[in-house]
Structures are given as structure tokens and as C-alpha cells.
Amino acid sequence: MDISLSPDNERFLQSQITAGIYNTLSDAVNANLSIIISTERVIPQDVLKRFKDDVQKGLDDVEAGRLSDGLAFMDELIEEDRTNAS
């Protein structure tokens, strides 16, 4: 089987070989594919897609300037909790 790798992926795999983690490109590809397959067994694809979609939505909000001050938000929640507890 012949495959084409992006330059970034090729550099990554080559760095693993150079570091002595793997002996050959085939070893590096097989090991990394095994990690991907194991991850997909643990995290179903629909869950992973929803997570990626949520992350992208957050990035889109940041880019559009829809931001909140996280510390101020947490302070408001704590104060609201104190008020409700009284």
C-alpha cells in the first residue's frame, strides 16, 4: 500500500524515528494508527464530533468578540450561591 503524508505528518513521524522511538516509518505509522484506533474505541465518533463542533463554536465566538470574563462570571456564581443559601 502506498500512502502520501502531509509534510507536517512526515516531519512528526521522522522525529519519532530520529528520537529512537521507532526504527522505521512503517513502525511509526502502525503504532500511531493503533493509538487512533484505541481512542476511537473509547470515545465514540459522534461524541468526538460534538466535542469538536463545540470547540469550533467557542473559537468562532472568540473571533467574533463574544467573550466573557471568566473570573467575573465565577464571582457572580459564588455570590448568587451565597444569596440563595441565605
PDB file of N, CA and C in Angstrom:
ATOM      1  N   MET A   1       0.843  -1.169   0.000  1.00  0.00           N
ATOM      2  CA  MET A   1       0.000   0.000   0.000  1.00  0.00           C
ATOM      3  C   MET A   1       0.892   1.237   0.000  1.00  0.00           C
ATOM      4  N   ASP A   2       0.574   2.176  -0.855  1.00  0.00           N
ATOM      5  CA  ASP A   2       1.286   3.450  -0.894  1.00  0.00           C
ATOM      6  C   ASP A   2       0.417   4.514  -0.247  1.00  0.00           C
ATOM      7  N   ILE A   3       1.030   5.338   0.592  1.00  0.00           N
ATOM      8  CA  ILE A   3       0.295   6.441   1.203  1.00  0.00           C
ATOM      9  C   ILE A   3       1.086   7.727   1.026  1.00  0.00           C
ATOM     10  N   SER A   4       0.365   8.834   1.055  1.00  0.00           N
ATOM     11  CA  SER A   4       1.010  10.142   0.996  1.00  0.00           C
ATOM     12  C   SER A   4       0.788  10.827   2.338  1.00  0.00           C
ATOM     13  N   LEU A   5       1.840  11.399   2.875  1.00  0.00           N
ATOM     14  CA  LEU A   5       1.764  12.106   4.143  1.00  0.00           C
ATOM     15  C   LEU A   5       1.929  13.597   3.910  1.00  0.00           C
ATOM     16  N   SER A   6       1.242  14.376   4.730  1.00  0.00           N
ATOM     17  CA  SER A   6       1.473  15.817   4.662  1.00  0.00           C
ATOM     18  C   SER A   6       2.883  16.079   5.187  1.00  0.00           C
ATOM     19  N   PRO A   7       3.490  17.188   4.791  1.00  0.00           N
ATOM     20  CA  PRO A   7       4.839  17.496   5.296  1.00  0.00           C
ATOM     21  C   PRO A   7       4.904  17.510   6.831  1.00  0.00           C
ATOM     22  N   ASP A   8       3.869  18.054   7.493  1.00  0.00           N
ATOM     23  CA  ASP A   8       3.865  18.084   8.964  1.00  0.00           C
ATOM     24  C   ASP A   8       3.837  16.679   9.548  1.00  0.00           C
ATOM     25  N   ASN A   9       3.001  15.815   8.987  1.00  0.00           N
ATOM     26  CA  ASN A   9       2.928  14.435   9.488  1.00  0.00           C
ATOM     27  C   ASN A   9       4.233  13.692   9.234  1.00  0.00           C
ATOM     28  N   GLU A  10       4.814  13.929   8.088  1.00  0.00           N
ATOM     29  CA  GLU A  10       6.083  13.269   7.774  1.00  0.00           C
ATOM     30  C   GLU A  10       7.181  13.720   8.737  1.00  0.00           C
ATOM     31  N   ARG A  11       7.226  15.033   9.029  1.00  0.00           N
ATOM     32  CA  ARG A  11       8.218  15.542   9.988  1.00  0.00           C
ATOM     33  C   ARG A  11       7.993  14.937  11.374  1.00  0.00           C
ATOM     34  N   PHE A  12       6.719  14.860  11.786  1.00  0.00           N
ATOM     35  CA  PHE A  12       6.406  14.287  13.093  1.00  0.00           C
ATOM     36  C   PHE A  12       6.893  12.843  13.181  1.00  0.00           C
ATOM     37  N   LEU A  13       6.536  12.039  12.201  1.00  0.00           N
ATOM     38  CA  LEU A  13       6.932  10.631  12.230  1.00  0.00           C
ATOM     39  C   LEU A  13       8.445  10.489  12.147  1.00  0.00           C
ATOM     40  N   GLN A  14       9.078  11.327  11.318  1.00  0.00           N
ATOM     41  CA  GLN A  14      10.532  11.270  11.193  1.00  0.00           C
ATOM     42  C   GLN A  14      11.203  11.648  12.514  1.00  0.00           C
ATOM     43  N   SER A  15      10.617  12.603  13.241  1.00  0.00           N
ATOM     44  CA  SER A  15      11.192  12.991  14.537  1.00  0.00           C
ATOM     45  C   SER A  15      11.107  11.832  15.531  1.00  0.00           C
ATOM     46  N   GLN A  16      10.042  11.038  15.437  1.00  0.00           N
ATOM     47  CA  GLN A  16       9.923   9.874  16.317  1.00  0.00           C
ATOM     48  C   GLN A  16      10.976   8.815  15.980  1.00  0.00           C
ATOM     49  N   ILE A  17      11.263   8.673  14.713  1.00  0.00           N
ATOM     50  CA  ILE A  17      12.297   7.719  14.288  1.00  0.00           C
ATOM     51  C   ILE A  17      13.669   8.222  14.726  1.00  0.00           C
ATOM     52  N   THR A  18      13.936   9.504  14.494  1.00  0.00           N
ATOM     53  CA  THR A  18      15.223  10.106  14.874  1.00  0.00           C
ATOM     54  C   THR A  18      15.451  10.003  16.377  1.00  0.00           C
ATOM     55  N   ALA A  19      14.381  10.166  17.160  1.00  0.00           N
ATOM     56  CA  ALA A  19      14.484  10.081  18.619  1.00  0.00           C
ATOM     57  C   ALA A  19      14.647   8.641  19.102  1.00  0.00           C
ATOM     58  N   GLY A  20      14.548   7.686  18.193  1.00  0.00           N
ATOM     59  CA  GLY A  20      14.718   6.290  18.566  1.00  0.00           C
ATOM     60  C   GLY A  20      13.462   5.636  19.114  1.00  0.00           C
ATOM     61  N   ILE A  21      12.329   6.326  18.993  1.00  0.00           N
ATOM     62  CA  ILE A  21      11.075   5.759  19.478  1.00  0.00           C
ATOM     63  C   ILE A  21      10.658   4.596  18.580  1.00  0.00           C
ATOM     64  N   TYR A  22      10.865   4.760  17.280  1.00  0.00           N
ATOM     65  CA  TYR A  22      10.565   3.719  16.297  1.00  0.00           C
ATOM     66  C   TYR A  22      11.773   3.534  15.402  1.00  0.00           C
ATOM     67  N   ASN A  23      11.871   2.342  14.810  1.00  0.00           N
ATOM     68  CA  ASN A  23      13.002   2.044  13.930  1.00  0.00           C
ATOM     69  C   ASN A  23      12.728   2.420  12.488  1.00  0.00           C
ATOM     70  N   THR A  24      11.476   2.286  12.065  1.00  0.00           N
ATOM     71  CA  THR A  24      11.147   2.536  10.661  1.00  0.00           C
ATOM     72  C   THR A  24       9.886   3.383  10.560  1.00  0.00           C
ATOM     73  N   LEU A  25       9.660   3.937   9.384  1.00  0.00           N
ATOM     74  CA  LEU A  25       8.454   4.704   9.126  1.00  0.00           C
ATOM     75  C   LEU A  25       7.229   3.804   9.283  1.00  0.00           C
ATOM     76  N   SER A  26       7.331   2.587   8.826  1.00  0.00           N
ATOM     77  CA  SER A  26       6.225   1.636   8.952  1.00  0.00           C
ATOM     78  C   SER A  26       5.876   1.394  10.419  1.00  0.00           C
ATOM     79  N   ASP A  27       6.894   1.226  11.278  1.00  0.00           N
ATOM     80  CA  ASP A  27       6.653   1.044  12.714  1.00  0.00           C
ATOM     81  C   ASP A  27       5.936   2.260  13.304  1.00  0.00           C
ATOM     82  N   ALA A  28       6.384   3.452  12.933  1.00  0.00           N
ATOM     83  CA  ALA A  28       5.807   4.688  13.463  1.00  0.00           C
ATOM     84  C   ALA A  28       4.348   4.843  13.023  1.00  0.00           C
ATOM     85  N   VAL A  29       4.076   4.588  11.752  1.00  0.00           N
ATOM     86  CA  VAL A  29       2.707   4.709  11.240  1.00  0.00           C
ATOM     87  C   VAL A  29       1.800   3.691  11.922  1.00  0.00           C
ATOM     88  N   ASN A  30       2.233   2.453  12.008  1.00  0.00           N
ATOM     89  CA  ASN A  30       1.418   1.409  12.634  1.00  0.00           C
ATOM     90  C   ASN A  30       1.127   1.718  14.103  1.00  0.00           C
ATOM     91  N   ALA A  31       2.119   2.171  14.839  1.00  0.00           N
ATOM     92  CA  ALA A  31       1.926   2.477  16.256  1.00  0.00           C
ATOM     93  C   ALA A  31       0.960   3.645  16.429  1.00  0.00           C
ATOM     94  N   ASN A  32       1.119   4.674  15.634  1.00  0.00           N
ATOM     95  CA  ASN A  32       0.249   5.837  15.755  1.00  0.00           C
ATOM     96  C   ASN A  32      -1.172   5.518  15.308  1.00  0.00           C
ATOM     97  N   LEU A  33      -1.330   4.684  14.296  1.00  0.00           N
ATOM     98  CA  LEU A  33      -2.674   4.248  13.907  1.00  0.00           C
ATOM     99  C   LEU A  33      -3.331   3.426  15.007  1.00  0.00           C
ATOM    100  N   SER A  34      -2.544   2.615  15.687  1.00  0.00           N
ATOM    101  CA  SER A  34      -3.083   1.820  16.794  1.00  0.00           C
ATOM    102  C   SER A  34      -3.612   2.728  17.901  1.00  0.00           C
ATOM    103  N   ILE A  35      -2.915   3.821  18.163  1.00  0.00           N
ATOM    104  CA  ILE A  35      -3.374   4.790  19.169  1.00  0.00           C
ATOM    105  C   ILE A  35      -4.698   5.405  18.734  1.00  0.00           C
ATOM    106  N   ILE A  36      -4.796   5.783  17.482  1.00  0.00           N
ATOM    107  CA  ILE A  36      -6.038   6.374  16.963  1.00  0.00           C
ATOM    108  C   ILE A  36      -7.184   5.379  17.084  1.00  0.00           C
ATOM    109  N   ILE A  37      -6.945   4.147  16.698  1.00  0.00           N
ATOM    110  CA  ILE A  37      -7.984   3.111  16.756  1.00  0.00           C
ATOM    111  C   ILE A  37      -8.414   2.880  18.198  1.00  0.00           C
ATOM    112  N   SER A  38      -7.474   2.820  19.124  1.00  0.00           N
ATOM    113  CA  SER A  38      -7.809   2.638  20.540  1.00  0.00           C
ATOM    114  C   SER A  38      -8.650   3.796  21.056  1.00  0.00           C
ATOM    115  N   THR A  39      -8.286   5.006  20.673  1.00  0.00           N
ATOM    116  CA  THR A  39      -9.028   6.191  21.099  1.00  0.00           C
ATOM    117  C   THR A  39     -10.443   6.150  20.569  1.00  0.00           C
ATOM    118  N   GLU A  40     -10.610   5.746  19.314  1.00  0.00           N
ATOM    119  CA  GLU A  40     -11.944   5.687  18.729  1.00  0.00           C
ATOM    120  C   GLU A  40     -12.813   4.632  19.401  1.00  0.00           C
ATOM    121  N   ARG A  41     -12.205   3.617  19.964  1.00  0.00           N
ATOM    122  CA  ARG A  41     -12.978   2.610  20.687  1.00  0.00           C
ATOM    123  C   ARG A  41     -13.459   3.163  22.025  1.00  0.00           C
ATOM    124  N   VAL A  42     -12.680   4.062  22.617  1.00  0.00           N
ATOM    125  CA  VAL A  42     -13.021   4.638  23.911  1.00  0.00           C
ATOM    126  C   VAL A  42     -13.970   5.821  23.755  1.00  0.00           C
ATOM    127  N   ILE A  43     -13.719   6.659  22.752  1.00  0.00           N
ATOM    128  CA  ILE A  43     -14.543   7.844  22.521  1.00  0.00           C
ATOM    129  C   ILE A  43     -15.296   7.650  21.204  1.00  0.00           C
ATOM    130  N   PRO A  44     -16.603   7.411  21.282  1.00  0.00           N
ATOM    131  CA  PRO A  44     -17.381   7.210  20.056  1.00  0.00           C
ATOM    132  C   PRO A  44     -17.273   8.432  19.129  1.00  0.00           C
ATOM    133  N   GLN A  45     -17.308   8.174  17.845  1.00  0.00           N
ATOM    134  CA  GLN A  45     -17.138   9.236  16.852  1.00  0.00           C
ATOM    135  C   GLN A  45     -18.170  10.348  16.988  1.00  0.00           C
ATOM    136  N   ASP A  46     -19.422  10.012  17.334  1.00  0.00           N
ATOM    137  CA  ASP A  46     -20.428  11.062  17.454  1.00  0.00           C
ATOM    138  C   ASP A  46     -20.120  11.983  18.629  1.00  0.00           C
ATOM    139  N   VAL A  47     -19.567  11.424  19.712  1.00  0.00           N
ATOM    140  CA  VAL A  47     -19.184  12.231  20.868  1.00  0.00           C
ATOM    141  C   VAL A  47     -18.003  13.129  20.502  1.00  0.00           C
ATOM    142  N   LEU A  48     -17.030  12.574  19.804  1.00  0.00           N
ATOM    143  CA  LEU A  48     -15.869  13.340  19.381  1.00  0.00           C
ATOM    144  C   LEU A  48     -16.271  14.464  18.436  1.00  0.00           C
ATOM    145  N   LYS A  49     -17.198  14.186  17.526  1.00  0.00           N
ATOM    146  CA  LYS A  49     -17.654  15.216  16.591  1.00  0.00           C
ATOM    147  C   LYS A  49     -18.361  16.345  17.333  1.00  0.00           C
ATOM    148  N   ARG A  50     -19.224  15.995  18.294  1.00  0.00           N
ATOM    149  CA  ARG A  50     -19.913  17.034  19.080  1.00  0.00           C
ATOM    150  C   ARG A  50     -18.906  17.885  19.844  1.00  0.00           C
ATOM    151  N   PHE A  51     -17.874  17.238  20.403  1.00  0.00           N
ATOM    152  CA  PHE A  51     -16.842  17.967  21.126  1.00  0.00           C
ATOM    153  C   PHE A  51     -16.119  18.934  20.187  1.00  0.00           C
ATOM    154  N   LYS A  52     -15.712  18.438  19.020  1.00  0.00           N
ATOM    155  CA  LYS A  52     -15.017  19.296  18.051  1.00  0.00           C
ATOM    156  C   LYS A  52     -15.913  20.444  17.601  1.00  0.00           C
ATOM    157  N   ASP A  53     -17.200  20.159  17.387  1.00  0.00           N
ATOM    158  CA  ASP A  53     -18.145  21.210  16.992  1.00  0.00           C
ATOM    159  C   ASP A  53     -18.272  22.265  18.084  1.00  0.00           C
ATOM    160  N   ASP A  54     -18.338  21.838  19.351  1.00  0.00           N
ATOM    161  CA  ASP A  54     -18.439  22.774  20.473  1.00  0.00           C
ATOM    162  C   ASP A  54     -17.182  23.634  20.590  1.00  0.00           C
ATOM    163  N   VAL A  55     -16.026  23.008  20.404  1.00  0.00           N
ATOM    164  CA  VAL A  55     -14.771  23.765  20.446  1.00  0.00           C
ATOM    165  C   VAL A  55     -14.756  24.800  19.320  1.00  0.00           C
ATOM    166  N   GLN A  56     -15.169  24.398  18.118  1.00  0.00           N
ATOM    167  CA  GLN A  56     -15.189  25.326  16.997  1.00  0.00           C
ATOM    168  C   GLN A  56     -16.155  26.474  17.257  1.00  0.00           C
ATOM    169  N   LYS A  57     -17.305  26.178  17.859  1.00  0.00           N
ATOM    170  CA  LYS A  57     -18.266  27.225  18.195  1.00  0.00           C
ATOM    171  C   LYS A  57     -17.622  28.229  19.149  1.00  0.00           C
ATOM    172  N   GLY A  58     -16.894  27.733  20.137  1.00  0.00           N
ATOM    173  CA  GLY A  58     -16.196  28.616  21.072  1.00  0.00           C
ATOM    174  C   GLY A  58     -15.156  29.467  20.381  1.00  0.00           C
ATOM    175  N   LEU A  59     -14.405  28.860  19.468  1.00  0.00           N
ATOM    176  CA  LEU A  59     -13.395  29.621  18.712  1.00  0.00           C
ATOM    177  C   LEU A  59     -14.053  30.679  17.836  1.00  0.00           C
ATOM    178  N   ASP A  60     -15.186  30.319  17.232  1.00  0.00           N
ATOM    179  CA  ASP A  60     -15.921  31.287  16.420  1.00  0.00           C
ATOM    180  C   ASP A  60     -16.414  32.452  17.276  1.00  0.00           C
ATOM    181  N   ASP A  61     -16.893  32.155  18.492  1.00  0.00           N
ATOM    182  CA  ASP A  61     -17.342  33.210  19.410  1.00  0.00           C
ATOM    183  C   ASP A  61     -16.185  34.143  19.771  1.00  0.00           C
ATOM    184  N   VAL A  62     -15.033  33.576  20.053  1.00  0.00           N
ATOM    185  CA  VAL A  62     -13.859  34.394  20.381  1.00  0.00           C
ATOM    186  C   VAL A  62     -13.514  35.303  19.208  1.00  0.00           C
ATOM    187  N   GLU A  63     -13.484  34.726  18.012  1.00  0.00           N
ATOM    188  CA  GLU A  63     -13.148  35.505  16.820  1.00  0.00           C
ATOM    189  C   GLU A  63     -14.149  36.635  16.586  1.00  0.00           C
ATOM    190  N   ALA A  64     -15.418  36.385  16.924  1.00  0.00           N
ATOM    191  CA  ALA A  64     -16.463  37.397  16.729  1.00  0.00           C
ATOM    192  C   ALA A  64     -16.534  38.385  17.898  1.00  0.00           C
ATOM    193  N   GLY A  65     -15.683  38.193  18.907  1.00  0.00           N
ATOM    194  CA  GLY A  65     -15.665  39.110  20.035  1.00  0.00           C
ATOM    195  C   GLY A  65     -16.693  38.813  21.104  1.00  0.00           C
ATOM    196  N   ARG A  66     -17.318  37.644  21.020  1.00  0.00           N
ATOM    197  CA  ARG A  66     -18.307  37.255  22.036  1.00  0.00           C
ATOM    198  C   ARG A  66     -17.568  36.545  23.175  1.00  0.00           C
ATOM    199  N   LEU A  67     -17.078  37.354  24.112  1.00  0.00           N
ATOM    200  CA  LEU A  67     -16.271  36.823  25.203  1.00  0.00           C
ATOM    201  C   LEU A  67     -16.870  37.196  26.548  1.00  0.00           C
ATOM    202  N   SER A  68     -16.515  36.436  27.556  1.00  0.00           N
ATOM    203  CA  SER A  68     -16.891  36.742  28.927  1.00  0.00           C
ATOM    204  C   SER A  68     -15.639  36.706  29.786  1.00  0.00           C
ATOM    205  N   ASP A  69     -15.647  37.509  30.830  1.00  0.00           N
ATOM    206  CA  ASP A  69     -14.570  37.459  31.806  1.00  0.00           C
ATOM    207  C   ASP A  69     -14.851  36.282  32.721  1.00  0.00           C
ATOM    208  N   GLY A  70     -14.067  35.240  32.616  1.00  0.00           N
ATOM    209  CA  GLY A  70     -14.296  34.016  33.375  1.00  0.00           C
ATOM    210  C   GLY A  70     -14.265  34.232  34.881  1.00  0.00           C
ATOM    211  N   LEU A  71     -13.324  35.040  35.368  1.00  0.00           N
ATOM    212  CA  LEU A  71     -13.232  35.279  36.811  1.00  0.00           C
ATOM    213  C   LEU A  71     -14.448  36.052  37.312  1.00  0.00           C
ATOM    214  N   ALA A  72     -14.869  37.046  36.545  1.00  0.00           N
ATOM    215  CA  ALA A  72     -16.060  37.811  36.938  1.00  0.00           C
ATOM    216  C   ALA A  72     -17.289  36.905  36.946  1.00  0.00           C
ATOM    217  N   PHE A  73     -17.396  36.041  35.972  1.00  0.00           N
ATOM    218  CA  PHE A  73     -18.514  35.106  35.909  1.00  0.00           C
ATOM    219  C   PHE A  73     -18.534  34.200  37.135  1.00  0.00           C
ATOM    220  N   MET A  74     -17.376  33.672  37.509  1.00  0.00           N
ATOM    221  CA  MET A  74     -17.299  32.796  38.677  1.00  0.00           C
ATOM    222  C   MET A  74     -17.647  33.566  39.949  1.00  0.00           C
ATOM    223  N   ASP A  75     -17.188  34.815  40.069  1.00  0.00           N
ATOM    224  CA  ASP A  75     -17.545  35.641  41.226  1.00  0.00           C
ATOM    225  C   ASP A  75     -19.056  35.817  41.319  1.00  0.00           C
ATOM    226  N   GLU A  76     -19.701  36.041  40.179  1.00  0.00           N
ATOM    227  CA  GLU A  76     -21.168  36.190  40.160  1.00  0.00           C
ATOM    228  C   GLU A  76     -21.855  34.904  40.606  1.00  0.00           C
ATOM    229  N   LEU A  77     -21.354  33.756  40.137  1.00  0.00           N
ATOM    230  CA  LEU A  77     -21.937  32.475  40.546  1.00  0.00           C
ATOM    231  C   LEU A  77     -21.792  32.244  42.043  1.00  0.00           C
ATOM    232  N   ILE A  78     -20.630  32.567  42.575  1.00  0.00           N
ATOM    233  CA  ILE A  78     -20.394  32.378  44.010  1.00  0.00           C
ATOM    234  C   ILE A  78     -21.321  33.283  44.814  1.00  0.00           C
ATOM    235  N   GLU A  79     -21.443  34.538  44.389  1.00  0.00           N
ATOM    236  CA  GLU A  79     -22.329  35.469  45.088  1.00  0.00           C
ATOM    237  C   GLU A  79     -23.784  35.012  45.000  1.00  0.00           C
ATOM    238  N   GLU A  80     -24.183  34.525  43.835  1.00  0.00           N
ATOM    239  CA  GLU A  80     -25.553  34.024  43.655  1.00  0.00           C
ATOM    240  C   GLU A  80     -25.788  32.819  44.582  1.00  0.00           C
ATOM    241  N   ASP A  81     -24.805  31.950  44.687  1.00  0.00           N
ATOM    242  CA  ASP A  81     -24.927  30.787  45.551  1.00  0.00           C
ATOM    243  C   ASP A  81     -25.045  31.209  47.017  1.00  0.00           C
ATOM    244  N   ARG A  82     -24.263  32.199  47.417  1.00  0.00           N
ATOM    245  CA  ARG A  82     -24.333  32.708  48.793  1.00  0.00           C
ATOM    246  C   ARG A  82     -25.709  33.306  49.067  1.00  0.00           C
ATOM    247  N   THR A  83     -26.232  34.051  48.102  1.00  0.00           N
ATOM    248  CA  THR A  83     -27.533  34.681  48.258  1.00  0.00           C
ATOM    249  C   THR A  83     -28.617  33.620  48.377  1.00  0.00           C
ATOM    250  N   ASN A  84     -28.565  32.601  47.568  1.00  0.00           N
ATOM    251  CA  ASN A  84     -29.571  31.530  47.604  1.00  0.00           C
ATOM    252  C   ASN A  84     -29.462  30.686  48.860  1.00  0.00           C
ATOM    253  N   ALA A  85     -28.275  30.591  49.430  1.00  0.00           N
ATOM    254  CA  ALA A  85     -28.080  29.789  50.635  1.00  0.00           C
ATOM    255  C   ALA A  85     -28.609  30.494  51.877  1.00  0.00           C
ATOM    256  N   SER A  86     -28.769  31.810  51.807  1.00  0.00           N
ATOM    257  CA  SER A  86     -29.237  32.572  52.993  1.00  0.00           C
ATOM    258  C   SER A  86     -30.704  32.436  53.234  1.00  0.00           C
TER     259      SER A  86
END
